[in-house]
C-alpha atoms as a PDB file:
ATOM      1  CA  MET A   1       0.000   0.000   0.000  1.00  0.00           C
ATOM      2  CA  ALA A   2       1.389   3.385  -0.969  1.00  0.00           C
ATOM      3  CA  ALA A   3       1.984   5.927   1.772  1.00  0.00           C
ATOM      4  CA  GLN A   4      -0.389   8.879   1.874  1.00  0.00           C
ATOM      5  CA  ALA A   5       0.867  12.426   2.371  1.00  0.00           C
ATOM      6  CA  GLU A   6      -2.298  13.707   4.007  1.00  0.00           C
ATOM      7  CA  TYR A   7      -5.036  12.611   6.354  1.00  0.00           C
ATOM      8  CA  VAL A   8      -7.793  10.444   4.874  1.00  0.00           C
ATOM      9  CA  ALA A   9     -10.442   9.368   7.393  1.00  0.00           C
ATOM     10  CA  GLY A  10     -10.406   5.636   8.015  1.00  0.00           C
ATOM     11  CA  LEU A  11      -7.458   5.090   5.671  1.00  0.00           C
ATOM     12  CA  CYS A  12      -4.440   7.139   6.655  1.00  0.00           C
ATOM     13  CA  ASN A  13      -3.674   9.079   9.837  1.00  0.00           C
ATOM     14  CA  ILE A  14       0.166   9.073  10.057  1.00  0.00           C
ATOM     15  CA  GLY A  15       3.023  10.254   7.883  1.00  0.00           C
ATOM     16  CA  THR A  16       6.570   9.085   7.234  1.00  0.00           C
ATOM     17  CA  ALA A  17       8.134   9.684  10.665  1.00  0.00           C
ATOM     18  CA  GLU A  18       5.285   7.963  12.479  1.00  0.00           C
ATOM     19  CA  ARG A  19       5.319   5.076   9.984  1.00  0.00           C
ATOM     20  CA  GLN A  20       9.011   4.501  10.702  1.00  0.00           C
ATOM     21  CA  ARG A  21       8.258   4.473  14.411  1.00  0.00           C
ATOM     22  CA  ARG A  22       5.621   1.756  13.876  1.00  0.00           C
ATOM     23  CA  ARG A  23       8.001  -0.241  11.668  1.00  0.00           C
ATOM     24  CA  ASN A  24      10.598  -0.128  14.449  1.00  0.00           C
ATOM     25  CA  MET A  25       7.922  -1.379  16.850  1.00  0.00           C
ATOM     26  CA  GLY A  26       7.371  -4.329  14.517  1.00  0.00           C
ATOM     27  CA  HIS A  27      11.102  -5.072  14.457  1.00  0.00           C
ATOM     28  CA  MET A  28      11.168  -4.938  18.260  1.00  0.00           C
ATOM     29  CA  GLY A  29       8.315  -7.460  18.459  1.00  0.00           C
ATOM     30  CA  VAL A  30      10.146  -9.875  16.163  1.00  0.00           C
ATOM     31  CA  VAL A  31      13.356  -9.605  18.206  1.00  0.00           C
ATOM     32  CA  LEU A  32      11.529 -10.036  21.519  1.00  0.00           C
ATOM     33  CA  GLY A  33       9.553 -12.966  20.146  1.00  0.00           C
ATOM     34  CA  GLY A  34      12.722 -14.643  18.944  1.00  0.00           C
ATOM     35  CA  ALA A  35      14.415 -14.080  22.284  1.00  0.00           C
ATOM     36  CA  LEU A  36      11.395 -15.469  24.151  1.00  0.00           C
ATOM     37  CA  LEU A  37      11.282 -18.526  21.894  1.00  0.00           C
ATOM     38  CA  VAL A  38      14.987 -19.224  22.374  1.00  0.00           C
ATOM     39  CA  GLY A  39      14.629 -18.748  26.132  1.00  0.00           C
ATOM     40  CA  LEU A  40      11.687 -21.145  26.320  1.00  0.00           C
ATOM     41  CA  LEU A  41      13.586 -23.736  24.302  1.00  0.00           C
ATOM     42  CA  LEU A  42      16.729 -23.396  26.420  1.00  0.00           C
ATOM     43  CA  VAL A  43      14.934 -23.877  29.734  1.00  0.00           C
ATOM     44  CA  GLY A  44      12.734 -26.679  28.422  1.00  0.00           C
ATOM     45  CA  ALA A  45       9.575 -24.794  29.338  1.00  0.00           C
ATOM     46  CA  GLU A  46       6.212 -26.495  29.577  1.00  0.00           C
ATOM     47  CA  PRO A  47       4.176 -26.108  26.364  1.00  0.00           C
ATOM     48  CA  TRP A  48       1.636 -23.670  27.843  1.00  0.00           C
ATOM     49  CA  TRP A  49       4.447 -21.121  28.359  1.00  0.00           C
ATOM     50  CA  TYR A  50       4.693 -20.868  24.574  1.00  0.00           C
ATOM     51  CA  LEU A  51       1.331 -19.090  24.603  1.00  0.00           C
ATOM     52  CA  LEU A  52       3.284 -16.054  25.837  1.00  0.00           C
ATOM     53  CA  LEU A  53       4.498 -15.717  22.244  1.00  0.00           C
ATOM     54  CA  PHE A  54       1.187 -13.916  21.697  1.00  0.00           C
ATOM     55  CA  LEU A  55       2.577 -10.711  23.265  1.00  0.00           C
ATOM     56  CA  PRO A  56       5.638 -10.109  21.069  1.00  0.00           C
ATOM     57  CA  ALA A  57       3.740 -11.439  18.047  1.00  0.00           C
ATOM     58  CA  PHE A  58       1.005  -8.855  18.631  1.00  0.00           C
ATOM     59  CA  THR A  59       3.622  -6.117  18.992  1.00  0.00           C
ATOM     60  CA  ALA A  60       5.215  -7.152  15.692  1.00  0.00           C
ATOM     61  CA  VAL A  61       1.976  -7.608  13.754  1.00  0.00           C
ATOM     62  CA  ILE A  62       0.302  -4.384  14.888  1.00  0.00           C
ATOM     63  CA  GLY A  63       3.537  -2.422  14.369  1.00  0.00           C
ATOM     64  CA  TYR A  64       4.030  -3.646  10.822  1.00  0.00           C
ATOM     65  CA  MET A  65       0.340  -3.276   9.943  1.00  0.00           C
ATOM     66  CA  GLN A  66       0.317   0.327  11.130  1.00  0.00           C
ATOM     67  CA  ALA A  67       3.456   1.089   9.119  1.00  0.00           C
ATOM     68  CA  ILE A  68       2.102  -0.576   5.975  1.00  0.00           C
ATOM     69  CA  HIS A  69      -1.313   1.073   6.194  1.00  0.00           C
ATOM     70  CA  SER A  70      -0.066   4.496   7.397  1.00  0.00           C
ATOM     71  CA  PHE A  71      -2.575   4.188  10.189  1.00  0.00           C
ATOM     72  CA  CYS A  72      -2.012   4.370  13.958  1.00  0.00           C
ATOM     73  CA  VAL A  73      -4.661   2.584  16.011  1.00  0.00           C
ATOM     74  CA  GLY A  74      -3.713   4.524  19.150  1.00  0.00           C
ATOM     75  CA  TYR A  75      -4.107   7.866  17.416  1.00  0.00           C
ATOM     76  CA  ALA A  76      -7.447   6.731  16.010  1.00  0.00           C
ATOM     77  CA  ARG A  77      -8.721   5.858  19.484  1.00  0.00           C
ATOM     78  CA  ARG A  78      -7.606   9.249  20.803  1.00  0.00           C
ATOM     79  CA  GLY A  79      -8.931  11.193  17.797  1.00  0.00           C
ATOM     80  CA  LEU A  80      -5.538  12.291  16.463  1.00  0.00           C
ATOM     81  CA  GLN A  81      -3.530  12.306  13.235  1.00  0.00           C
ATOM     82  CA  ASN A  82       0.086  13.255  12.536  1.00  0.00           C
ATOM     83  CA  PHE A  83       1.924  14.020   9.325  1.00  0.00           C
ATOM     84  CA  GLY A  84       4.644  16.113  10.951  1.00  0.00           C
ATOM     85  CA  GLU A  85       7.370  15.311  13.426  1.00  0.00           C
ATOM     86  CA  ILE A  86       6.963  12.687  16.145  1.00  0.00           C
ATOM     87  CA  GLY A  87       4.805  14.112  18.934  1.00  0.00           C
ATOM     88  CA  ASP A  88       3.190  16.788  16.736  1.00  0.00           C
ATOM     89  CA  ALA A  89      -0.239  15.110  16.521  1.00  0.00           C
ATOM     90  CA  GLN A  90      -3.300  17.159  15.638  1.00  0.00           C
ATOM     91  CA  PRO A  91      -6.935  16.460  16.526  1.00  0.00           C
ATOM     92  CA  VAL A  92      -9.351  14.989  14.008  1.00  0.00           C
ATOM     93  CA  ALA A  93     -12.015  17.661  13.604  1.00  0.00           C
ATOM     94  CA  ARG A  94     -15.100  15.919  12.254  1.00  0.00           C
ATOM     95  CA  PRO A  95     -16.996  13.334  14.335  1.00  0.00           C
ATOM     96  CA  GLU A  96     -17.737  11.214  11.240  1.00  0.00           C
ATOM     97  CA  ASP A  97     -13.997  11.064  10.465  1.00  0.00           C
ATOM     98  CA  LEU A  98     -13.293  10.015  14.031  1.00  0.00           C
ATOM     99  CA  ALA A  99     -15.902   7.240  13.722  1.00  0.00           C
ATOM    100  CA  ARG A 100     -14.263   5.961  10.511  1.00  0.00           C
ATOM    101  CA  ASP A 101     -10.824   6.024  12.151  1.00  0.00           C
ATOM    102  CA  ARG A 102     -12.063   4.086  15.157  1.00  0.00           C
ATOM    103  CA  ALA A 103     -13.724   1.474  12.954  1.00  0.00           C
ATOM    104  CA  THR A 104     -10.460   0.983  11.057  1.00  0.00           C
ATOM    105  CA  ALA A 105      -8.536   0.760  14.343  1.00  0.00           C
ATOM    106  CA  THR A 106     -10.905  -1.950  15.562  1.00  0.00           C
ATOM    107  CA  ARG A 107     -10.433  -3.961  12.353  1.00  0.00           C
ATOM    108  CA  LEU A 108      -6.636  -3.692  12.509  1.00  0.00           C
ATOM    109  CA  ASN A 109      -6.578  -4.677  16.189  1.00  0.00           C
ATOM    110  CA  LEU A 110      -8.820  -7.692  15.587  1.00  0.00           C
ATOM    111  CA  PHE A 111      -6.700  -8.818  12.665  1.00  0.00           C
ATOM    112  CA  ALA A 112      -3.543  -8.495  14.775  1.00  0.00           C
ATOM    113  CA  VAL A 113      -5.146 -10.478  17.612  1.00  0.00           C
ATOM    114  CA  VAL A 114      -6.101 -13.306  15.253  1.00  0.00           C
ATOM    115  CA  ILE A 115      -2.629 -13.501  13.676  1.00  0.00           C
ATOM    116  CA  SER A 116      -0.906 -13.297  17.076  1.00  0.00           C
ATOM    117  CA  ALA A 117      -3.149 -15.965  18.563  1.00  0.00           C
ATOM    118  CA  GLY A 118      -2.270 -18.165  15.605  1.00  0.00           C
ATOM    119  CA  VAL A 119       1.436 -17.660  16.241  1.00  0.00           C
ATOM    120  CA  ALA A 120       1.007 -18.516  19.925  1.00  0.00           C
ATOM    121  CA  LEU A 121      -1.063 -21.610  19.154  1.00  0.00           C
ATOM    122  CA  VAL A 122       1.477 -22.844  16.621  1.00  0.00           C
ATOM    123  CA  GLY A 123       4.213 -22.398  19.243  1.00  0.00           C
ATOM    124  CA  PHE A 124       2.093 -24.276  21.769  1.00  0.00           C
ATOM    125  CA  GLY A 125       1.322 -27.057  19.279  1.00  0.00           C
ATOM    126  CA  VAL A 126       4.957 -27.508  18.294  1.00  0.00           C
ATOM    127  CA  ALA A 127       5.983 -27.567  21.961  1.00  0.00           C
ATOM    128  CA  MET A 128       3.284 -30.175  22.693  1.00  0.00           C
ATOM    129  CA  ALA A 129       4.481 -32.331  19.799  1.00  0.00           C
ATOM    130  CA  PHE A 130       8.056 -32.345  21.069  1.00  0.00           C
ATOM    131  CA  SER A 131       7.408 -32.630  24.814  1.00  0.00           C
END
């Protein structure tokens, strides 16, 4: 998806600097998830511990999705948008735009939850198979 240069209700509420911040959040989730997986393997953790992979997976998925879609779910919930420097968010003026942003935020969050739950369940299943 191409990056937008201006606010479009329900489609785009962040610019380049904010997109990079979300991409970095995705990278952090991948690194933390990898570290958690290695740690669980090294200590021979019980399979149910692998469900904790949900947390870094969610961080990675939601971070990357926000970067790809130029859309911050947190800003949408708070009624903000930002195409300037980090921390220079502006309010969304129209209530109908805010409603569209919040609907998009809900969809992105639900999608991230489903993907992250899948990652955690795969980790749990693999751990069960080898325990």
